[in-house]
Amino acid sequence: MPDPARTLVVIPARGGSKRLPRKNVLPLGGKPLILHAVDVALAAATFGQVLVSTDDPEIKTVALSRKGVSVDDRASILAGDKVKVVDVIGELTDRPDIQRDFDVIGMLLPTCPFRTAEQVGAGFATLTTECDATISFSTYEFPPQSAVTLDDAGYMVPLFDPSPLLTGNTRSQDQPPTYRPNGAFFFTWIASFRRLRSFYTGRVKGVTMPRLNSVDIDDAQDFQYAQFLIDSSQIKVA
């Protein structure tokens, strides 16, 4: 396992969100969404630094309400809605002081509020020198092998060949399990990221998580569902 003290954990949080305005500071279960990620990062391990990357003054203020958190004021060139989080991570890993002080960089997306500190810590522990990265995954709710698109005339076009819809093998339990990244955690060696410029290339180890802990908040309906899970005691938050 890498040295936690030489691990930088980044929580990227832009101020702009078109589908759910001010998403990162909306109260979920009694605290702003961003703090769910911050609190888990602080509790998961004694990481060398927990860093919130943001362009937004309110997010900065909320993040700094937690002792032990630092904020990186994101440059405007990295704050647009077309900027990818890997661009933010790439800019950080190119800094000489980051390369000097840390061996590993991790990322926790604030849109996955129900991951636990234990899950993050366990995922971190799976990163070894034999792999480039460790990423959290959860199963799809429905087998993607049955996915289709519709052509311009509205006719079905299967995306998988052979498609279970055409072979008749439509029982979900007969399909091999498939997984999606859930945003709970990403850990990679800084040297690997600088070489590959991605969390997903190279030798990537997957760590699976239950779907209940993998709720992703992208729009208002997702947020309402997350609040429902809390209100109905199906999920507990610290």
Protein backbone atom coordinates (compact mmCIF):
# COMPACT_ATOMS: atom_id res chain seq x y z
CA MET A 1 0.00 0.00 0.00
CA PRO A 2 1.30 3.51 -0.75
CA ASP A 3 2.23 5.90 2.03
CA PRO A 4 -0.92 7.88 2.93
CA ALA A 5 1.25 10.79 4.03
CA ARG A 6 2.58 11.08 0.47
CA THR A 7 -0.89 10.99 -1.05
CA LEU A 8 -2.74 14.05 -2.31
CA VAL A 9 -6.54 13.68 -2.44
CA VAL A 10 -8.31 16.15 -4.73
CA ILE A 11 -12.02 17.01 -4.68
CA PRO A 12 -12.84 18.95 -7.87
CA ALA A 13 -15.81 21.28 -7.46
CA ARG A 14 -16.72 23.93 -10.02
CA GLY A 15 -19.21 26.63 -9.17
CA GLY A 16 -21.11 26.29 -12.41
CA SER A 17 -23.63 23.50 -12.97
CA LYS A 18 -26.21 23.82 -15.73
CA ARG A 19 -28.42 20.86 -14.90
CA LEU A 20 -28.52 21.50 -11.16
CA PRO A 21 -27.44 25.08 -10.32
CA ARG A 22 -25.18 25.48 -7.25
CA LYS A 23 -25.13 21.69 -6.93
CA ASN A 24 -21.97 21.45 -4.85
CA VAL A 25 -23.31 23.65 -2.05
CA LEU A 26 -26.91 22.42 -1.95
CA PRO A 27 -27.78 20.89 1.44
CA LEU A 28 -28.12 17.11 1.37
CA GLY A 29 -28.87 15.37 4.64
CA GLY A 30 -28.16 18.54 6.56
CA LYS A 31 -24.86 19.61 4.99
CA PRO A 32 -23.62 20.93 1.64
CA LEU A 33 -22.98 18.26 -0.97
CA ILE A 34 -19.26 19.08 -1.19
CA LEU A 35 -18.78 18.30 2.51
CA HIS A 36 -19.87 14.70 2.06
CA ALA A 37 -16.74 14.15 -0.03
CA VAL A 38 -14.56 16.27 2.24
CA ASP A 39 -15.60 14.47 5.43
CA VAL A 40 -15.04 11.04 3.90
CA ALA A 41 -11.60 12.03 2.63
CA LEU A 42 -10.62 13.29 6.08
CA ALA A 43 -11.89 10.14 7.77
CA ALA A 44 -10.58 7.57 5.29
CA ALA A 45 -6.88 7.85 6.09
CA THR A 46 -4.26 10.29 7.25
CA PHE A 47 -3.66 11.59 3.76
CA GLY A 48 -0.89 14.08 3.24
CA GLN A 49 -3.32 16.67 1.94
CA VAL A 50 -7.02 16.94 1.15
CA LEU A 51 -7.40 19.61 -1.52
CA VAL A 52 -10.59 21.12 -2.91
CA SER A 53 -10.07 22.56 -6.39
CA THR A 54 -12.63 25.27 -7.12
CA ASP A 55 -13.26 28.55 -8.89
CA ASP A 56 -16.13 29.46 -6.59
CA PRO A 57 -15.86 31.67 -3.44
CA GLU A 58 -18.82 30.01 -1.68
CA ILE A 59 -17.47 26.50 -2.26
CA LYS A 60 -14.10 27.70 -0.96
CA THR A 61 -15.68 29.05 2.22
CA VAL A 62 -17.66 25.85 2.79
CA ALA A 63 -14.60 23.64 2.22
CA LEU A 64 -12.42 25.66 4.58
CA SER A 65 -15.00 25.19 7.34
CA ARG A 66 -13.39 21.77 7.82
CA LYS A 67 -10.07 21.67 9.64
CA GLY A 68 -7.34 20.00 7.62
CA VAL A 69 -8.67 20.97 4.19
CA SER A 70 -6.82 23.14 1.69
CA VAL A 71 -8.29 24.95 -1.31
CA ASP A 72 -6.65 25.47 -4.67
CA ASP A 73 -8.05 28.50 -6.48
CA ARG A 74 -8.63 27.10 -9.93
CA ALA A 75 -7.53 29.23 -12.86
CA SER A 76 -10.34 30.47 -15.11
CA ILE A 77 -8.97 28.44 -18.01
CA LEU A 78 -9.77 25.30 -15.98
CA ALA A 79 -13.20 26.45 -14.79
CA GLY A 80 -15.32 26.23 -17.95
CA ASP A 81 -18.11 23.69 -18.38
CA LYS A 82 -16.14 21.90 -21.11
CA VAL A 83 -13.08 21.38 -18.92
CA LYS A 84 -12.56 17.76 -17.87
CA VAL A 85 -11.50 16.78 -14.37
CA VAL A 86 -8.45 15.02 -15.82
CA ASP A 87 -7.28 18.42 -17.06
CA VAL A 88 -7.41 19.69 -13.48
CA ILE A 89 -5.52 16.64 -12.22
CA GLY A 90 -3.02 16.98 -15.03
CA GLU A 91 -2.28 20.60 -14.16
CA LEU A 92 -1.72 19.66 -10.53
CA THR A 93 0.57 16.73 -11.31
CA ASP A 94 2.69 18.94 -13.56
CA ARG A 95 3.57 21.19 -10.63
CA PRO A 96 7.11 20.59 -9.32
CA ASP A 97 6.03 20.91 -5.66
CA ILE A 98 3.33 18.26 -6.11
CA GLN A 99 5.86 15.91 -7.70
CA ARG A 100 8.26 16.57 -4.85
CA ASP A 101 5.82 16.10 -1.97
CA PHE A 102 3.54 13.31 -3.20
CA ASP A 103 3.76 9.89 -4.85
CA VAL A 104 0.02 9.28 -5.29
CA ILE A 105 -2.87 11.47 -6.33
CA GLY A 106 -6.47 10.55 -5.57
CA MET A 107 -9.75 12.07 -6.69
CA LEU A 108 -13.16 11.95 -5.02
CA LEU A 109 -16.02 13.39 -7.05
CA PRO A 110 -18.48 15.36 -4.89
CA THR A 111 -21.40 13.93 -6.87
CA CYS A 112 -21.06 10.52 -5.15
CA PRO A 113 -22.11 11.43 -1.59
CA PHE A 114 -22.83 7.97 -0.16
CA ARG A 115 -19.41 6.34 -0.39
CA THR A 116 -17.96 5.59 3.02
CA ALA A 117 -14.57 6.29 4.54
CA GLU A 118 -14.06 2.53 4.85
CA GLN A 119 -14.68 2.03 1.14
CA VAL A 120 -12.26 4.80 0.20
CA GLY A 121 -9.62 3.47 2.56
CA ALA A 122 -10.03 -0.06 1.23
CA GLY A 123 -9.76 1.18 -2.34
CA PHE A 124 -6.61 3.11 -1.56
CA ALA A 125 -5.07 0.00 -0.01
CA THR A 126 -5.45 -1.92 -3.30
CA LEU A 127 -3.08 0.41 -5.18
CA THR A 128 0.25 -1.35 -5.60
CA THR A 129 3.35 -0.87 -7.69
CA GLU A 130 2.03 -3.60 -10.00
CA CYS A 131 -0.84 -1.40 -11.23
CA ASP A 132 -1.20 2.16 -12.45
CA ALA A 133 -4.52 3.05 -10.86
CA THR A 134 -7.38 1.88 -8.68
CA ILE A 135 -10.94 2.95 -9.49
CA SER A 136 -14.31 2.29 -7.82
CA PHE A 137 -17.06 0.62 -9.84
CA SER A 138 -20.65 -0.48 -9.35
CA THR A 139 -22.89 -2.74 -11.40
CA TYR A 140 -25.31 -1.41 -14.00
CA GLU A 141 -28.96 -1.49 -12.97
CA PHE A 142 -29.88 -3.21 -16.26
CA PRO A 143 -27.62 -5.31 -18.52
CA PRO A 144 -26.10 -2.92 -21.07
CA GLN A 145 -25.88 -5.79 -23.56
CA SER A 146 -29.51 -5.00 -24.40
CA ALA A 147 -28.76 -1.36 -25.20
CA VAL A 148 -30.00 0.06 -28.50
CA THR A 149 -29.98 3.35 -30.28
CA LEU A 150 -32.60 4.67 -32.69
CA ASP A 151 -31.75 5.74 -36.21
CA ASP A 152 -33.05 8.90 -37.88
CA ALA A 153 -36.26 7.12 -38.84
CA GLY A 154 -36.82 5.86 -35.31
CA TYR A 155 -35.86 2.24 -35.92
CA MET A 156 -34.00 0.20 -33.32
CA VAL A 157 -30.30 -0.40 -33.85
CA PRO A 158 -28.67 -2.77 -31.31
CA LEU A 159 -25.38 -1.56 -29.89
CA PHE A 160 -24.05 -5.04 -29.09
CA ASP A 161 -23.42 -7.90 -31.48
CA PRO A 162 -24.90 -10.37 -30.92
CA SER A 163 -27.72 -8.55 -29.18
CA PRO A 164 -29.68 -10.56 -26.57
CA LEU A 165 -32.79 -8.92 -28.00
CA LEU A 166 -32.16 -10.69 -31.30
CA THR A 167 -30.86 -13.99 -29.95
CA GLY A 168 -33.73 -14.27 -27.46
CA ASN A 169 -31.36 -14.64 -24.50
CA THR A 170 -32.93 -11.75 -22.60
CA ARG A 171 -32.71 -13.07 -19.04
CA SER A 172 -30.56 -10.58 -17.16
CA GLN A 173 -29.06 -13.29 -14.96
CA ASP A 174 -27.61 -14.95 -18.07
CA GLN A 175 -25.55 -11.89 -18.98
CA PRO A 176 -21.99 -11.51 -17.66
CA PRO A 177 -21.71 -8.84 -14.95
CA THR A 178 -20.73 -5.40 -16.20
CA TYR A 179 -19.62 -2.39 -14.21
CA ARG A 180 -19.49 1.37 -14.46
CA PRO A 181 -17.18 3.84 -12.71
CA ASN A 182 -19.20 5.48 -9.94
CA GLY A 183 -17.01 8.47 -9.04
CA ALA A 184 -16.41 7.38 -5.46
CA PHE A 185 -12.63 7.26 -5.72
CA PHE A 186 -9.73 7.20 -8.13
CA PHE A 187 -6.14 6.64 -7.00
CA THR A 188 -3.08 6.62 -9.23
CA TRP A 189 0.66 7.00 -9.01
CA ILE A 190 1.62 10.52 -10.04
CA ALA A 191 4.31 9.09 -12.29
CA SER A 192 1.69 6.92 -14.01
CA PHE A 193 -0.72 9.82 -14.48
CA ARG A 194 1.97 12.04 -15.94
CA ARG A 195 2.86 9.27 -18.39
CA LEU A 196 -0.69 8.21 -19.30
CA ARG A 197 -2.69 11.43 -18.66
CA SER A 198 -5.63 9.30 -17.57
CA PHE A 199 -6.97 7.22 -14.70
CA TYR A 200 -8.32 4.61 -17.12
CA THR A 201 -5.28 3.58 -19.16
CA GLY A 202 -2.46 1.26 -18.20
CA ARG A 203 -3.06 -1.47 -15.64
CA VAL A 204 -6.22 -0.43 -13.79
CA LYS A 205 -7.58 -2.32 -10.80
CA GLY A 206 -11.32 -2.15 -10.15
CA VAL A 207 -12.91 -2.14 -6.70
CA THR A 208 -16.64 -2.84 -6.67
CA MET A 209 -19.16 -1.05 -4.47
CA PRO A 210 -22.91 -1.54 -3.84
CA ARG A 211 -25.24 0.54 -5.99
CA LEU A 212 -26.75 2.17 -2.92
CA ASN A 213 -23.38 3.71 -2.10
CA SER A 214 -22.89 4.67 -5.74
CA VAL A 215 -25.74 7.13 -6.26
CA ASP A 216 -24.54 9.84 -8.65
CA ILE A 217 -26.05 13.32 -8.46
CA ASP A 218 -26.25 14.99 -11.84
CA ASP A 219 -29.62 16.71 -11.86
CA ALA A 220 -32.55 17.67 -9.61
CA GLN A 221 -34.16 14.23 -9.84
CA ASP A 222 -30.93 12.57 -8.68
CA PHE A 223 -30.72 15.00 -5.77
CA GLN A 224 -34.31 14.31 -4.73
CA TYR A 225 -33.68 10.56 -4.89
CA ALA A 226 -30.57 10.93 -2.71
CA GLN A 227 -32.54 12.93 -0.14
CA PHE A 228 -35.29 10.31 -0.21
CA LEU A 229 -32.76 7.59 0.61
CA ILE A 230 -31.64 9.58 3.63
CA ASP A 231 -35.15 10.47 4.78
CA SER A 232 -36.30 6.86 4.49
CA SER A 233 -33.25 5.65 6.47
CA GLN A 234 -32.05 3.49 3.59
CA ILE A 235 -28.71 5.26 3.78
CA LYS A 236 -26.96 6.89 6.71
CA VAL A 237 -24.66 9.87 6.41
CA ALA A 238 -22.29 11.23 9.02
